[in-house]
Amino acid sequence: MSILFKELINQRLRKITVTELLDYSNQYGFSLDRSQAKDIVSYLKTNNINPFTKKERQKMLRQLAEITDGETAEKANQLFIQLVESYGLSNLFES
């Protein structure tokens, strides 16, 4: 079952749209402009990311900080952790 969840999460990351990302940024208090959202979506679609390993998540967050800023990257990380915990999926991710 965990393989299915991992694939669903990866698909969702690869298919997020600029509009969805901007909506999430407003909903969760992130500061993103359309250009940053486009860059993030492009990054997610063109890079094979494995968010399930700590090393890969850190790499992704460093890239996010370069696209946006450190504060936004940290907020995204905290949101990611909260979402993972709220769905009871912590066991799929390395700490």
N, C-alpha and C. Protein backbone atom coordinates (compact mmCIF):
# COMPACT_ATOMS: atom_id res chain seq x y z
N MET A 1 0.82 -1.20 0.00
CA MET A 1 0.00 0.00 0.00
C MET A 1 0.86 1.26 0.00
N SER A 2 2.01 1.22 0.68
CA SER A 2 2.84 2.42 0.75
C SER A 2 3.36 2.82 -0.63
N ILE A 3 3.59 1.84 -1.51
CA ILE A 3 4.05 2.16 -2.86
C ILE A 3 2.99 2.97 -3.60
N LEU A 4 1.74 2.61 -3.42
CA LEU A 4 0.64 3.34 -4.04
C LEU A 4 0.60 4.78 -3.53
N PHE A 5 0.68 4.98 -2.22
CA PHE A 5 0.67 6.33 -1.66
C PHE A 5 1.84 7.15 -2.17
N LYS A 6 3.01 6.55 -2.23
CA LYS A 6 4.19 7.26 -2.72
C LYS A 6 4.01 7.69 -4.17
N GLU A 7 3.47 6.82 -4.98
CA GLU A 7 3.25 7.17 -6.38
C GLU A 7 2.20 8.27 -6.52
N LEU A 8 1.15 8.22 -5.73
CA LEU A 8 0.13 9.27 -5.76
C LEU A 8 0.71 10.62 -5.35
N ILE A 9 1.54 10.64 -4.34
CA ILE A 9 2.17 11.88 -3.89
C ILE A 9 3.09 12.42 -4.97
N ASN A 10 3.90 11.55 -5.57
CA ASN A 10 4.80 11.99 -6.64
C ASN A 10 4.02 12.55 -7.83
N GLN A 11 2.94 11.88 -8.20
CA GLN A 11 2.12 12.36 -9.31
C GLN A 11 1.54 13.73 -9.01
N ARG A 12 1.10 13.91 -7.78
CA ARG A 12 0.50 15.19 -7.39
C ARG A 12 1.53 16.31 -7.47
N LEU A 13 2.74 16.05 -7.03
CA LEU A 13 3.80 17.05 -7.11
C LEU A 13 4.10 17.42 -8.57
N ARG A 14 4.14 16.43 -9.43
CA ARG A 14 4.47 16.67 -10.84
C ARG A 14 3.34 17.36 -11.61
N LYS A 15 2.12 17.27 -11.12
CA LYS A 15 0.98 17.80 -11.87
C LYS A 15 0.38 19.07 -11.29
N ILE A 16 0.98 19.62 -10.25
CA ILE A 16 0.43 20.84 -9.67
C ILE A 16 0.53 21.98 -10.69
N THR A 17 -0.46 22.85 -10.68
CA THR A 17 -0.48 23.98 -11.62
C THR A 17 -0.08 25.26 -10.90
N VAL A 18 0.23 26.26 -11.69
CA VAL A 18 0.59 27.57 -11.13
C VAL A 18 -0.57 28.12 -10.30
N THR A 19 -1.78 28.02 -10.84
CA THR A 19 -2.96 28.52 -10.13
C THR A 19 -3.16 27.80 -8.80
N GLU A 20 -3.01 26.48 -8.80
CA GLU A 20 -3.16 25.72 -7.55
C GLU A 20 -2.10 26.14 -6.54
N LEU A 21 -0.87 26.30 -7.00
CA LEU A 21 0.21 26.69 -6.11
C LEU A 21 -0.03 28.08 -5.53
N LEU A 22 -0.52 29.00 -6.34
CA LEU A 22 -0.85 30.34 -5.84
C LEU A 22 -2.00 30.28 -4.84
N ASP A 23 -2.99 29.43 -5.11
CA ASP A 23 -4.09 29.26 -4.16
C ASP A 23 -3.59 28.72 -2.82
N TYR A 24 -2.71 27.71 -2.88
CA TYR A 24 -2.12 27.16 -1.64
C TYR A 24 -1.31 28.23 -0.91
N SER A 25 -0.59 29.03 -1.66
CA SER A 25 0.23 30.06 -1.01
C SER A 25 -0.65 31.05 -0.25
N ASN A 26 -1.78 31.41 -0.84
CA ASN A 26 -2.71 32.31 -0.15
C ASN A 26 -3.35 31.62 1.05
N GLN A 27 -3.75 30.38 0.86
CA GLN A 27 -4.43 29.64 1.92
C GLN A 27 -3.53 29.41 3.13
N TYR A 28 -2.25 29.17 2.90
CA TYR A 28 -1.34 28.83 3.99
C TYR A 28 -0.35 29.93 4.34
N GLY A 29 -0.57 31.14 3.84
CA GLY A 29 0.23 32.29 4.25
C GLY A 29 1.63 32.35 3.66
N PHE A 30 1.80 31.84 2.44
CA PHE A 30 3.07 31.94 1.75
C PHE A 30 3.07 33.19 0.88
N SER A 31 4.23 33.72 0.67
CA SER A 31 4.36 34.87 -0.21
C SER A 31 4.97 34.40 -1.52
N LEU A 32 4.13 34.22 -2.53
CA LEU A 32 4.59 33.81 -3.86
C LEU A 32 3.97 34.73 -4.90
N ASP A 33 4.79 35.11 -5.89
CA ASP A 33 4.20 35.80 -7.02
C ASP A 33 4.08 34.80 -8.18
N ARG A 34 3.43 35.20 -9.24
CA ARG A 34 3.17 34.29 -10.35
C ARG A 34 4.47 33.76 -10.96
N SER A 35 5.47 34.60 -11.07
CA SER A 35 6.75 34.19 -11.64
C SER A 35 7.41 33.10 -10.79
N GLN A 36 7.40 33.27 -9.48
CA GLN A 36 7.96 32.26 -8.58
C GLN A 36 7.18 30.96 -8.69
N ALA A 37 5.85 31.08 -8.73
CA ALA A 37 5.02 29.87 -8.84
C ALA A 37 5.34 29.13 -10.15
N LYS A 38 5.52 29.87 -11.24
CA LYS A 38 5.87 29.23 -12.51
C LYS A 38 7.20 28.50 -12.40
N ASP A 39 8.18 29.15 -11.75
CA ASP A 39 9.50 28.53 -11.58
C ASP A 39 9.42 27.26 -10.74
N ILE A 40 8.62 27.30 -9.69
CA ILE A 40 8.47 26.13 -8.82
C ILE A 40 7.79 24.99 -9.57
N VAL A 41 6.73 25.29 -10.28
CA VAL A 41 6.02 24.27 -11.05
C VAL A 41 6.95 23.67 -12.10
N SER A 42 7.70 24.51 -12.76
CA SER A 42 8.67 24.03 -13.75
C SER A 42 9.70 23.11 -13.10
N TYR A 43 10.19 23.51 -11.93
CA TYR A 43 11.16 22.69 -11.21
C TYR A 43 10.56 21.32 -10.85
N LEU A 44 9.36 21.33 -10.34
CA LEU A 44 8.72 20.07 -9.94
C LEU A 44 8.46 19.15 -11.14
N LYS A 45 8.15 19.75 -12.28
CA LYS A 45 7.85 18.94 -13.46
C LYS A 45 9.11 18.41 -14.15
N THR A 46 10.22 19.12 -14.02
CA THR A 46 11.42 18.74 -14.76
C THR A 46 12.47 18.01 -13.93
N ASN A 47 12.28 17.95 -12.61
CA ASN A 47 13.24 17.27 -11.75
C ASN A 47 12.59 16.05 -11.12
N ASN A 48 13.29 14.96 -11.15
CA ASN A 48 12.79 13.73 -10.54
C ASN A 48 13.10 13.79 -9.04
N ILE A 49 12.13 14.18 -8.26
CA ILE A 49 12.30 14.41 -6.83
C ILE A 49 11.76 13.22 -6.05
N ASN A 50 12.49 12.82 -5.04
CA ASN A 50 12.02 11.77 -4.13
C ASN A 50 11.83 12.42 -2.76
N PRO A 51 10.63 12.92 -2.46
CA PRO A 51 10.41 13.62 -1.20
C PRO A 51 10.41 12.69 0.02
N PHE A 52 10.59 11.41 -0.21
CA PHE A 52 10.50 10.44 0.88
C PHE A 52 11.83 10.26 1.61
N THR A 53 12.92 10.78 1.03
CA THR A 53 14.21 10.72 1.71
C THR A 53 14.57 12.11 2.21
N LYS A 54 15.19 12.16 3.35
CA LYS A 54 15.56 13.44 3.95
C LYS A 54 16.51 14.22 3.04
N LYS A 55 17.47 13.53 2.46
CA LYS A 55 18.45 14.17 1.58
C LYS A 55 17.78 14.84 0.38
N GLU A 56 16.86 14.14 -0.25
CA GLU A 56 16.16 14.70 -1.41
C GLU A 56 15.26 15.87 -1.03
N ARG A 57 14.57 15.78 0.12
CA ARG A 57 13.73 16.89 0.58
C ARG A 57 14.58 18.12 0.84
N GLN A 58 15.74 17.93 1.47
CA GLN A 58 16.62 19.07 1.74
C GLN A 58 17.09 19.71 0.44
N LYS A 59 17.42 18.89 -0.55
CA LYS A 59 17.83 19.39 -1.85
C LYS A 59 16.70 20.21 -2.48
N MET A 60 15.48 19.66 -2.42
CA MET A 60 14.32 20.34 -2.97
C MET A 60 14.08 21.68 -2.25
N LEU A 61 14.22 21.70 -0.93
CA LEU A 61 13.99 22.92 -0.18
C LEU A 61 15.07 23.97 -0.46
N ARG A 62 16.31 23.53 -0.69
CA ARG A 62 17.37 24.49 -1.08
C ARG A 62 17.03 25.14 -2.42
N GLN A 63 16.55 24.32 -3.36
CA GLN A 63 16.15 24.86 -4.66
C GLN A 63 14.97 25.82 -4.51
N LEU A 64 14.01 25.46 -3.67
CA LEU A 64 12.87 26.33 -3.41
C LEU A 64 13.33 27.66 -2.82
N ALA A 65 14.29 27.62 -1.91
CA ALA A 65 14.82 28.84 -1.31
C ALA A 65 15.49 29.73 -2.36
N GLU A 66 16.14 29.11 -3.34
CA GLU A 66 16.76 29.89 -4.42
C GLU A 66 15.71 30.53 -5.31
N ILE A 67 14.61 29.82 -5.53
CA ILE A 67 13.53 30.34 -6.38
C ILE A 67 12.75 31.43 -5.64
N THR A 68 12.49 31.21 -4.37
CA THR A 68 11.68 32.16 -3.59
C THR A 68 12.59 32.84 -2.56
N ASP A 69 12.56 32.34 -1.33
CA ASP A 69 13.44 32.81 -0.26
C ASP A 69 13.44 31.78 0.85
N GLY A 70 14.36 31.92 1.80
CA GLY A 70 14.50 30.94 2.87
C GLY A 70 13.26 30.81 3.73
N GLU A 71 12.61 31.92 4.00
CA GLU A 71 11.41 31.89 4.85
C GLU A 71 10.28 31.10 4.18
N THR A 72 10.09 31.32 2.89
CA THR A 72 9.05 30.59 2.16
C THR A 72 9.38 29.10 2.11
N ALA A 73 10.65 28.79 1.89
CA ALA A 73 11.06 27.38 1.85
C ALA A 73 10.81 26.71 3.21
N GLU A 74 11.09 27.42 4.29
CA GLU A 74 10.86 26.85 5.62
C GLU A 74 9.36 26.67 5.89
N LYS A 75 8.54 27.63 5.48
CA LYS A 75 7.09 27.49 5.62
C LYS A 75 6.59 26.28 4.83
N ALA A 76 7.12 26.11 3.64
CA ALA A 76 6.72 24.96 2.81
C ALA A 76 7.10 23.66 3.48
N ASN A 77 8.27 23.62 4.08
CA ASN A 77 8.71 22.41 4.78
C ASN A 77 7.80 22.12 5.97
N GLN A 78 7.46 23.12 6.74
CA GLN A 78 6.58 22.93 7.89
C GLN A 78 5.19 22.46 7.44
N LEU A 79 4.68 23.05 6.36
CA LEU A 79 3.39 22.64 5.83
C LEU A 79 3.45 21.19 5.37
N PHE A 80 4.51 20.82 4.68
CA PHE A 80 4.69 19.45 4.21
C PHE A 80 4.65 18.48 5.39
N ILE A 81 5.38 18.79 6.45
CA ILE A 81 5.42 17.93 7.64
C ILE A 81 4.03 17.82 8.26
N GLN A 82 3.33 18.94 8.38
CA GLN A 82 1.99 18.93 8.96
C GLN A 82 1.02 18.08 8.13
N LEU A 83 1.10 18.22 6.82
CA LEU A 83 0.22 17.44 5.96
C LEU A 83 0.51 15.95 6.05
N VAL A 84 1.79 15.61 6.06
CA VAL A 84 2.18 14.20 6.18
C VAL A 84 1.65 13.62 7.49
N GLU A 85 1.84 14.35 8.59
CA GLU A 85 1.37 13.87 9.89
C GLU A 85 -0.15 13.81 9.96
N SER A 86 -0.82 14.81 9.39
CA SER A 86 -2.28 14.83 9.48
C SER A 86 -2.92 13.68 8.70
N TYR A 87 -2.26 13.19 7.66
CA TYR A 87 -2.78 12.07 6.90
C TYR A 87 -2.23 10.74 7.39
N GLY A 88 -1.44 10.78 8.47
CA GLY A 88 -0.92 9.55 9.05
C GLY A 88 0.07 8.82 8.16
N LEU A 89 0.85 9.59 7.41
CA LEU A 89 1.78 9.00 6.44
C LEU A 89 3.25 9.15 6.86
N SER A 90 3.49 9.50 8.11
CA SER A 90 4.85 9.73 8.57
C SER A 90 5.76 8.53 8.34
N ASN A 91 5.19 7.34 8.40
CA ASN A 91 6.00 6.13 8.23
C ASN A 91 6.58 6.00 6.82
N LEU A 92 6.07 6.77 5.86
CA LEU A 92 6.58 6.70 4.48
C LEU A 92 7.81 7.58 4.26
N PHE A 93 8.07 8.49 5.21
CA PHE A 93 9.10 9.48 5.04
C PHE A 93 10.22 9.31 6.07
N GLU A 94 11.46 9.52 5.59
CA GLU A 94 12.60 9.51 6.53
C GLU A 94 12.57 10.81 7.33
N SER A 95 12.95 10.73 8.58
CA SER A 95 13.01 11.93 9.43
C SER A 95 14.24 12.72 9.17
